[in-house]
């Protein structure tokens, strides 16, 4: 390989490396091993956050697993639980003081019924 070709390869690799996007800034908090009051205080300062993951529950010989999506905005919160393959699910929406719960079976609760 000639010096010119080698130089061109080095320049091309340098340009490609420069095109990489920077990772988002990390939110620095007290850490998972910090006492709960410190963790809670740090969380309460956040206006917006989201959580995506999975949850598994086992109780009284029964259990289920679901995907979990949660989004917190300044004036609203949204929680979605979806069973495997989208079978079954639950949506909880809080807009100001208004609470609404909807299931995959078409059941809807709002107001005092949802709070109960």
Protein backbone atom coordinates (compact mmCIF):
# COMPACT_ATOMS: atom_id res chain seq x y z
CA UNK A 1 0.00 0.00 0.00
CA UNK A 2 1.46 3.37 -0.93
CA UNK A 3 1.94 6.21 1.51
CA UNK A 4 -0.78 8.22 -0.22
CA UNK A 5 -3.30 5.38 0.06
CA UNK A 6 -2.36 4.77 3.69
CA UNK A 7 -2.73 8.48 4.44
CA UNK A 8 -6.16 8.52 2.77
CA UNK A 9 -7.29 5.54 4.89
CA UNK A 10 -6.08 7.22 8.10
CA UNK A 11 -7.88 10.47 7.20
CA UNK A 12 -11.10 8.58 6.30
CA UNK A 13 -11.03 6.68 9.61
CA UNK A 14 -10.42 9.94 11.48
CA UNK A 15 -13.42 11.55 9.80
CA UNK A 16 -15.64 8.54 10.56
CA UNK A 17 -14.56 8.56 14.20
CA UNK A 18 -15.40 12.26 14.38
CA UNK A 19 -18.97 11.58 13.20
CA UNK A 20 -19.88 9.58 16.28
CA UNK A 21 -22.54 11.26 18.42
CA UNK A 22 -21.82 11.94 22.04
CA UNK A 23 -23.80 9.94 24.60
CA UNK A 24 -26.45 11.89 26.54
CA UNK A 25 -25.33 13.55 29.73
CA UNK A 26 -25.79 11.30 32.72
CA UNK A 27 -27.97 12.40 35.58
CA UNK A 28 -25.87 12.31 38.69
CA UNK A 29 -27.79 11.22 41.74
CA UNK A 30 -27.09 9.77 45.15
CA UNK A 31 -26.78 6.21 43.82
CA UNK A 32 -28.75 3.04 44.43
CA UNK A 33 -26.96 2.34 47.70
CA UNK A 34 -27.80 5.76 49.19
CA UNK A 35 -30.43 5.97 51.93
CA UNK A 36 -34.01 6.25 50.63
CA UNK A 37 -34.55 9.85 51.88
CA UNK A 38 -31.62 11.02 49.71
CA UNK A 39 -32.85 9.07 46.69
CA UNK A 40 -36.39 10.37 47.12
CA UNK A 41 -35.22 14.00 47.40
CA UNK A 42 -33.22 13.64 44.16
CA UNK A 43 -36.16 12.04 42.34
CA UNK A 44 -38.59 14.72 43.49
CA UNK A 45 -36.43 17.38 41.81
CA UNK A 46 -36.93 15.77 38.39
CA UNK A 47 -39.77 17.19 36.30
CA UNK A 48 -39.51 14.70 33.44
CA UNK A 49 -38.36 11.12 33.31
CA UNK A 50 -39.29 7.80 31.79
CA UNK A 51 -38.80 4.16 32.56
CA UNK A 52 -38.96 1.18 30.22
CA UNK A 53 -38.49 -2.39 31.36
CA UNK A 54 -40.12 -5.61 32.44
CA UNK A 55 -41.84 -6.62 35.64
CA UNK A 56 -42.60 -10.06 37.08
CA UNK A 57 -44.96 -10.76 39.96
CA UNK A 58 -45.50 -14.02 41.85
CA UNK A 59 -48.01 -14.35 44.72
CA UNK A 60 -50.16 -17.15 46.12
CA UNK A 61 -48.96 -19.65 43.53
CA UNK A 62 -49.88 -17.37 40.63
CA UNK A 63 -47.80 -14.93 38.68
CA UNK A 64 -47.46 -12.83 35.58
CA UNK A 65 -44.89 -10.84 33.67
CA UNK A 66 -45.37 -7.70 31.65
CA UNK A 67 -43.52 -4.98 29.83
CA UNK A 68 -43.54 -1.70 31.71
CA UNK A 69 -43.51 1.84 30.34
CA UNK A 70 -43.75 4.87 32.60
CA UNK A 71 -43.49 8.53 31.66
CA UNK A 72 -43.54 11.45 34.09
CA UNK A 73 -44.16 14.94 32.73
CA UNK A 74 -44.73 18.18 34.67
CA UNK A 75 -48.54 17.85 34.68
CA UNK A 76 -49.17 14.22 33.80
CA UNK A 77 -48.05 10.64 34.39
CA UNK A 78 -48.62 7.61 32.15
CA UNK A 79 -48.15 3.97 33.10
CA UNK A 80 -48.61 1.07 30.68
CA UNK A 81 -48.31 -2.63 31.50
CA UNK A 82 -48.60 -5.10 28.60
CA UNK A 83 -48.62 -8.87 28.90
CA UNK A 84 -46.64 -11.27 26.70
CA UNK A 85 -47.44 -10.86 22.99
CA UNK A 86 -49.62 -7.86 23.86
CA UNK A 87 -52.20 -10.07 25.57
CA UNK A 88 -53.70 -8.30 28.54
CA UNK A 89 -52.72 -4.89 29.70
CA UNK A 90 -53.40 -1.89 31.84
CA UNK A 91 -53.14 1.85 31.28
CA UNK A 92 -53.07 4.40 34.08
CA UNK A 93 -53.16 8.09 33.19
CA UNK A 94 -52.95 10.93 35.69
CA UNK A 95 -53.64 14.42 34.27
CA UNK A 96 -53.50 16.96 37.09
CA UNK A 97 -56.04 15.59 39.59
CA UNK A 98 -57.87 13.42 37.00
CA UNK A 99 -57.09 9.70 37.19
CA UNK A 100 -58.14 7.17 34.55
CA UNK A 101 -57.53 3.42 34.44
CA UNK A 102 -58.23 1.30 31.36
CA UNK A 103 -57.79 -2.45 30.90
CA UNK A 104 -57.32 -4.47 27.73
CA UNK A 105 -60.84 -5.88 28.27
CA UNK A 106 -62.33 -2.43 27.68
CA UNK A 107 -63.02 -1.66 31.34
CA UNK A 108 -62.53 2.00 32.24
CA UNK A 109 -62.49 3.61 35.65
CA UNK A 110 -62.08 7.27 36.44
CA UNK A 111 -62.47 9.66 39.34
CA UNK A 112 -63.32 8.10 42.70
CA UNK A 113 -63.75 4.62 41.18
CA UNK A 114 -60.19 4.69 39.84
CA UNK A 115 -58.81 5.95 43.15
CA UNK A 116 -60.57 3.15 45.04
